[in-house]
N, C-alpha and C. Protein backbone atom coordinates (compact mmCIF):
# COMPACT_ATOMS: atom_id res chain seq x y z
N MET A 1 -23.79 6.10 14.92
CA MET A 1 -22.40 6.76 15.53
C MET A 1 -22.54 8.17 14.41
N ALA A 2 -22.63 9.07 15.30
CA ALA A 2 -22.41 10.54 14.36
C ALA A 2 -20.82 10.13 14.45
N VAL A 3 -20.20 10.43 12.97
CA VAL A 3 -19.20 10.60 12.97
C VAL A 3 -18.54 12.50 12.74
N SER A 4 -17.56 12.75 13.15
CA SER A 4 -17.52 14.04 13.76
C SER A 4 -16.54 14.37 12.62
N VAL A 5 -15.17 13.60 12.15
CA VAL A 5 -14.06 13.74 11.31
C VAL A 5 -14.55 13.38 10.24
N PRO A 6 -13.96 14.31 9.32
CA PRO A 6 -14.04 13.87 7.53
C PRO A 6 -13.41 12.71 7.36
N LEU A 7 -13.61 11.94 6.35
CA LEU A 7 -12.94 11.15 5.60
C LEU A 7 -11.34 10.93 5.21
N GLU A 8 -11.36 11.66 5.29
CA GLU A 8 -9.64 12.73 4.67
C GLU A 8 -9.32 13.54 5.08
N VAL A 9 -8.51 14.01 5.43
CA VAL A 9 -7.96 15.29 5.78
C VAL A 9 -6.46 15.24 5.32
N ASP A 10 -5.70 16.73 5.23
CA ASP A 10 -4.80 17.05 4.65
C ASP A 10 -3.30 16.48 5.77
N VAL A 11 -2.14 16.92 5.76
CA VAL A 11 -1.05 16.99 6.07
C VAL A 11 -1.41 17.30 7.47
N GLU A 12 -1.24 18.81 6.94
CA GLU A 12 -1.55 19.57 8.32
C GLU A 12 -2.35 19.23 9.18
N ALA A 13 -3.50 19.11 9.20
CA ALA A 13 -4.77 18.72 9.35
C ALA A 13 -4.28 17.34 10.65
N ALA A 14 -3.58 16.73 9.65
CA ALA A 14 -3.49 15.42 10.65
C ALA A 14 -2.35 15.60 11.71
N ARG A 15 -1.30 16.09 11.00
CA ARG A 15 -0.08 17.03 11.87
C ARG A 15 -0.38 17.39 13.22
N THR A 16 -1.39 18.46 13.05
CA THR A 16 -2.20 18.85 14.56
C THR A 16 -3.26 17.44 15.16
N MET A 17 -3.86 16.87 14.44
CA MET A 17 -4.66 15.54 15.09
C MET A 17 -3.29 15.24 16.46
N ILE A 18 -2.40 14.67 15.52
CA ILE A 18 -1.22 13.75 15.99
C ILE A 18 -0.71 14.07 17.33
N ALA A 19 -0.44 15.54 16.94
CA ALA A 19 0.12 16.51 18.06
C ALA A 19 -0.76 16.11 19.50
N GLY A 20 -1.96 16.52 18.53
CA GLY A 20 -2.84 16.62 19.99
C GLY A 20 -3.16 15.22 21.06
N GLY A 21 -2.76 14.18 20.12
CA GLY A 21 -2.86 12.96 21.09
C GLY A 21 -3.57 11.70 20.04
N ALA A 22 -4.04 12.27 18.79
CA ALA A 22 -4.40 11.59 18.36
C ALA A 22 -3.44 9.55 17.41
N PRO A 23 -3.90 8.96 17.57
CA PRO A 23 -3.19 7.42 16.92
C PRO A 23 -2.54 7.72 15.32
N LEU A 24 -1.63 7.54 15.12
CA LEU A 24 -1.29 7.41 13.73
C LEU A 24 -1.13 5.98 13.11
N LEU A 25 -1.48 5.01 12.32
CA LEU A 25 -1.44 4.38 12.12
C LEU A 25 -1.14 4.14 10.64
N ASP A 26 -0.25 3.26 10.48
CA ASP A 26 0.83 2.76 9.07
C ASP A 26 0.29 1.70 8.44
N VAL A 27 -0.26 1.61 7.35
CA VAL A 27 -1.00 0.71 6.47
C VAL A 27 -0.20 0.14 5.93
N ARG A 28 1.03 0.44 5.58
CA ARG A 28 2.19 0.09 4.48
C ARG A 28 2.67 -1.66 4.79
N ASP A 29 3.07 -2.20 3.85
CA ASP A 29 4.20 -3.44 4.12
C ASP A 29 5.29 -3.03 5.12
N ALA A 30 5.87 -4.13 5.55
CA ALA A 30 6.94 -4.42 6.17
C ALA A 30 8.26 -3.57 5.27
N GLY A 31 8.61 -4.18 4.09
CA GLY A 31 9.52 -3.06 2.89
C GLY A 31 9.49 -2.17 3.41
N GLU A 32 8.47 -1.31 3.17
CA GLU A 32 7.46 0.24 2.85
C GLU A 32 8.46 1.27 4.43
N ARG A 33 7.85 0.21 5.43
CA ARG A 33 8.18 0.97 6.85
C ARG A 33 9.47 0.62 7.36
N GLN A 34 10.53 -0.21 6.97
CA GLN A 34 11.91 0.04 7.62
C GLN A 34 12.53 0.99 6.68
N GLN A 35 12.37 1.17 5.53
CA GLN A 35 12.53 1.82 4.49
C GLN A 35 12.21 3.63 5.01
N ARG A 36 10.87 3.44 5.79
CA ARG A 36 10.95 5.12 6.10
C ARG A 36 9.14 5.18 7.09
N ARG A 37 9.43 5.83 8.01
CA ARG A 37 8.02 5.75 8.76
C ARG A 37 8.24 7.15 9.29
N ILE A 38 6.88 7.43 9.74
CA ILE A 38 6.63 8.56 10.80
C ILE A 38 7.27 8.00 12.17
N PRO A 39 7.52 8.60 12.66
CA PRO A 39 8.05 8.41 14.17
C PRO A 39 6.51 8.40 15.36
N GLY A 40 6.81 6.90 15.74
CA GLY A 40 5.72 6.94 16.81
C GLY A 40 3.89 6.15 16.39
N ALA A 41 4.45 6.23 14.70
CA ALA A 41 3.30 5.71 14.55
C ALA A 41 3.12 3.93 14.44
N LEU A 42 1.45 3.79 14.80
CA LEU A 42 1.26 2.25 15.09
C LEU A 42 1.44 1.70 13.48
N TRP A 43 1.29 -0.08 13.60
CA TRP A 43 1.51 -0.36 12.49
C TRP A 43 1.00 -1.72 12.13
N ILE A 44 -0.36 -1.64 11.43
CA ILE A 44 -1.12 -2.82 10.92
C ILE A 44 -1.20 -2.88 9.30
N PRO A 45 0.05 -3.88 8.80
CA PRO A 45 -0.31 -3.90 6.88
C PRO A 45 -1.76 -3.74 6.92
N ILE A 46 -2.48 -3.41 5.81
CA ILE A 46 -3.59 -3.45 5.36
C ILE A 46 -4.16 -4.43 5.15
N GLU A 47 -3.22 -5.78 4.98
CA GLU A 47 -3.77 -7.04 4.51
C GLU A 47 -3.98 -7.63 5.75
N GLU A 48 -3.76 -7.06 6.70
CA GLU A 48 -3.43 -7.86 8.20
C GLU A 48 -5.04 -7.21 9.13
N LEU A 49 -5.14 -5.79 8.64
CA LEU A 49 -6.11 -5.00 9.35
C LEU A 49 -7.56 -5.77 9.51
N ALA A 50 -7.99 -6.54 8.93
CA ALA A 50 -9.51 -7.29 8.75
C ALA A 50 -9.03 -7.79 10.42
N GLN A 51 -7.64 -9.03 10.73
CA GLN A 51 -7.80 -9.69 11.84
C GLN A 51 -7.23 -8.76 13.22
N ARG A 52 -6.85 -7.56 12.85
CA ARG A 52 -6.01 -6.77 14.02
C ARG A 52 -6.99 -6.00 14.27
N TRP A 53 -8.00 -5.37 13.62
CA TRP A 53 -7.99 -4.32 13.79
C TRP A 53 -8.22 -3.84 15.57
N ARG A 54 -8.49 -4.52 16.01
CA ARG A 54 -9.30 -4.45 17.27
C ARG A 54 -7.80 -4.47 18.66
N GLU A 55 -6.60 -4.41 18.06
CA GLU A 55 -5.59 -4.04 18.27
C GLU A 55 -4.95 -2.62 18.45
N LEU A 56 -6.11 -2.04 18.21
CA LEU A 56 -5.57 -0.59 17.77
C LEU A 56 -6.09 0.45 19.37
N PRO A 57 -6.26 1.26 19.86
CA PRO A 57 -6.47 2.19 20.79
C PRO A 57 -8.04 2.54 20.73
N PRO A 58 -9.03 1.91 22.00
CA PRO A 58 -10.22 2.26 21.74
C PRO A 58 -11.02 3.26 21.20
N GLU A 59 -10.21 4.49 21.59
CA GLU A 59 -10.70 5.60 22.26
C GLU A 59 -9.84 7.00 20.77
N GLY A 60 -10.51 7.90 20.48
CA GLY A 60 -9.68 8.76 19.67
C GLY A 60 -10.08 8.23 18.13
N THR A 61 -9.59 9.61 17.69
CA THR A 61 -9.87 9.35 15.89
C THR A 61 -8.56 8.94 15.82
N LEU A 62 -8.56 8.11 14.88
CA LEU A 62 -7.15 7.10 14.59
C LEU A 62 -6.83 8.06 13.16
N VAL A 63 -5.83 8.28 12.61
CA VAL A 63 -5.50 9.25 11.67
C VAL A 63 -4.10 7.70 10.54
N VAL A 64 -5.06 7.70 9.74
CA VAL A 64 -4.20 5.96 8.82
C VAL A 64 -3.59 6.94 7.89
N HIS A 65 -2.62 6.26 7.49
CA HIS A 65 -1.32 6.68 6.32
C HIS A 65 -0.78 5.60 5.66
N CYS A 66 -0.54 5.88 4.29
CA CYS A 66 0.11 4.63 3.60
C CYS A 66 1.32 5.63 3.21
N ALA A 67 1.77 5.17 1.64
CA ALA A 67 2.39 6.00 0.92
C ALA A 67 2.01 7.28 0.24
N ALA A 68 0.36 7.23 -0.53
CA ALA A 68 0.05 8.11 -0.69
C ALA A 68 -1.04 8.77 -1.01
N GLY A 69 -2.09 7.66 -0.24
CA GLY A 69 -3.19 7.50 0.41
C GLY A 69 -4.07 6.41 -0.34
N SER A 70 -3.90 5.72 -0.82
CA SER A 70 -4.77 4.92 -1.77
C SER A 70 -5.63 3.85 -0.59
N ARG A 71 -4.58 3.37 0.05
CA ARG A 71 -4.75 2.21 1.09
C ARG A 71 -4.82 3.04 1.81
N SER A 72 -4.82 4.14 3.17
CA SER A 72 -5.17 4.91 3.85
C SER A 72 -6.93 5.04 4.02
N TYR A 73 -6.95 5.36 2.58
CA TYR A 73 -8.59 5.37 2.19
C TYR A 73 -9.29 4.43 2.46
N ARG A 74 -9.08 3.28 1.68
CA ARG A 74 -9.19 1.73 2.27
C ARG A 74 -9.29 1.52 4.09
N ALA A 75 -8.55 1.63 4.10
CA ALA A 75 -8.10 1.22 5.94
C ALA A 75 -9.30 1.86 6.74
N THR A 76 -9.31 3.42 6.01
CA THR A 76 -10.34 4.17 6.83
C THR A 76 -11.36 4.01 6.84
N LYS A 77 -11.80 3.18 5.33
CA LYS A 77 -13.37 3.20 5.40
C LYS A 77 -13.64 1.64 5.84
N PHE A 78 -12.92 0.82 6.02
CA PHE A 78 -13.50 -0.34 6.90
C PHE A 78 -13.53 0.24 8.23
N LEU A 79 -11.93 0.93 8.90
CA LEU A 79 -12.49 1.11 10.14
C LEU A 79 -13.50 1.74 10.67
N ARG A 80 -14.07 2.42 10.18
CA ARG A 80 -15.83 3.20 10.00
C ARG A 80 -16.53 1.96 9.75
N GLU A 81 -16.57 1.21 9.15
CA GLU A 81 -17.39 0.18 9.27
C GLU A 81 -18.06 -0.35 10.34
N GLN A 82 -16.17 -0.81 10.86
CA GLN A 82 -16.23 -1.49 11.98
C GLN A 82 -16.82 -0.56 14.12
N GLY A 83 -17.12 0.70 13.15
CA GLY A 83 -17.65 2.02 14.26
C GLY A 83 -16.59 2.32 14.92
N ARG A 84 -15.52 2.73 14.29
CA ARG A 84 -14.25 3.01 14.70
C ARG A 84 -14.18 4.77 14.18
N LEU A 85 -13.88 5.74 14.81
CA LEU A 85 -13.47 6.86 13.79
C LEU A 85 -12.22 7.14 13.97
N ALA A 86 -11.85 7.70 12.37
CA ALA A 86 -10.89 7.00 11.50
C ALA A 86 -11.02 7.81 10.37
N THR A 87 -9.73 9.10 9.87
CA THR A 87 -9.17 9.47 8.81
C THR A 87 -8.03 9.06 8.11
N SER A 88 -8.35 9.14 7.04
CA SER A 88 -7.50 9.15 5.84
C SER A 88 -6.54 10.91 5.31
N MET A 89 -4.69 10.23 5.62
CA MET A 89 -4.25 11.60 5.38
C MET A 89 -4.03 11.56 3.58
N VAL A 90 -4.62 12.27 3.55
CA VAL A 90 -4.20 12.89 1.59
C VAL A 90 -2.94 12.85 1.39
N GLY A 91 -2.40 11.80 0.57
CA GLY A 91 -1.00 12.08 0.10
C GLY A 91 0.06 11.37 0.85
N GLY A 92 -0.64 10.89 1.91
CA GLY A 92 0.49 10.08 3.24
C GLY A 92 1.90 10.25 3.32
N LEU A 93 2.68 9.43 3.26
CA LEU A 93 4.23 9.55 3.67
C LEU A 93 4.86 10.47 2.57
N SER A 94 3.88 10.39 1.39
CA SER A 94 4.85 11.44 0.57
C SER A 94 4.97 12.97 0.90
N GLU A 95 3.63 13.02 0.65
CA GLU A 95 3.39 14.32 1.02
C GLU A 95 4.02 14.44 2.55
N TRP A 96 3.43 14.00 3.31
CA TRP A 96 4.85 14.56 5.30
C TRP A 96 5.69 14.42 4.74
N GLU A 97 6.69 13.99 3.96
CA GLU A 97 8.46 14.04 3.68
C GLU A 97 8.00 15.11 2.82
N ALA A 98 7.36 15.94 1.69
CA ALA A 98 7.53 16.52 0.79
C ALA A 98 6.94 18.06 1.40
N ARG A 99 6.52 17.75 2.99
CA ARG A 99 6.42 19.40 3.97
C ARG A 99 7.92 19.30 4.58
N GLY A 100 8.88 18.38 4.73
CA GLY A 100 10.04 18.38 5.53
C GLY A 100 9.32 17.92 6.92
N LEU A 101 8.49 17.23 6.66
CA LEU A 101 7.94 16.95 8.20
C LEU A 101 8.96 15.57 8.69
N PRO A 102 9.01 14.95 9.92
CA PRO A 102 10.16 14.29 10.30
C PRO A 102 9.28 12.64 10.16
N THR A 103 11.11 12.02 9.51
CA THR A 103 11.03 10.62 9.00
C THR A 103 11.75 9.81 10.17
N GLU A 104 11.81 8.60 9.84
CA GLU A 104 12.97 7.71 10.77
C GLU A 104 12.95 6.37 9.47
N SER A 105 14.61 5.39 9.40
CA SER A 105 14.42 4.76 8.80
C SER A 105 15.22 3.65 9.46
N GLY A 106 14.92 2.00 8.93
CA GLY A 106 15.77 0.92 9.50
C GLY A 106 14.55 0.45 10.71
N PRO A 107 15.28 -0.96 10.98
CA PRO A 107 14.23 -1.75 11.72
C PRO A 107 13.21 -0.65 12.92
N ALA A 108 12.10 -1.07 12.93
CA ALA A 108 11.75 -0.02 14.16
C ALA A 108 11.50 -1.26 15.04
N ALA A 109 10.61 -0.73 16.47
CA ALA A 109 10.48 -1.35 17.36
C ALA A 109 9.48 -1.89 17.42
N GLY A 110 9.30 -3.49 18.03
CA GLY A 110 7.92 -4.28 17.51
C GLY A 110 7.49 -4.22 16.01
N SER A 111 8.74 -4.27 15.18
CA SER A 111 8.28 -4.93 13.82
C SER A 111 9.23 -5.98 13.28
């Protein structure tokens, strides 16, 4: 499969992709997600990704994020090994917040 997206993208590129309909995947743990998350993000903790990746939307490029970028990078590599188009958001939620982009906190629907 020809991969047409980079392994990693910066927050602005990720934001553009998400605005264009790309699904956003949060691979952080439950405690992190409850404290703060990007609205609308799908959630599968990285520890569960190997068993649950088929739950993700089958079409489109997934934008994957964690707190700072290392878990999302590993998750992106795994998803690509499964034949999925995915890219990791460099800097993760920390960089997203540093740019003043929206977040929410508290219990998430479906968590």
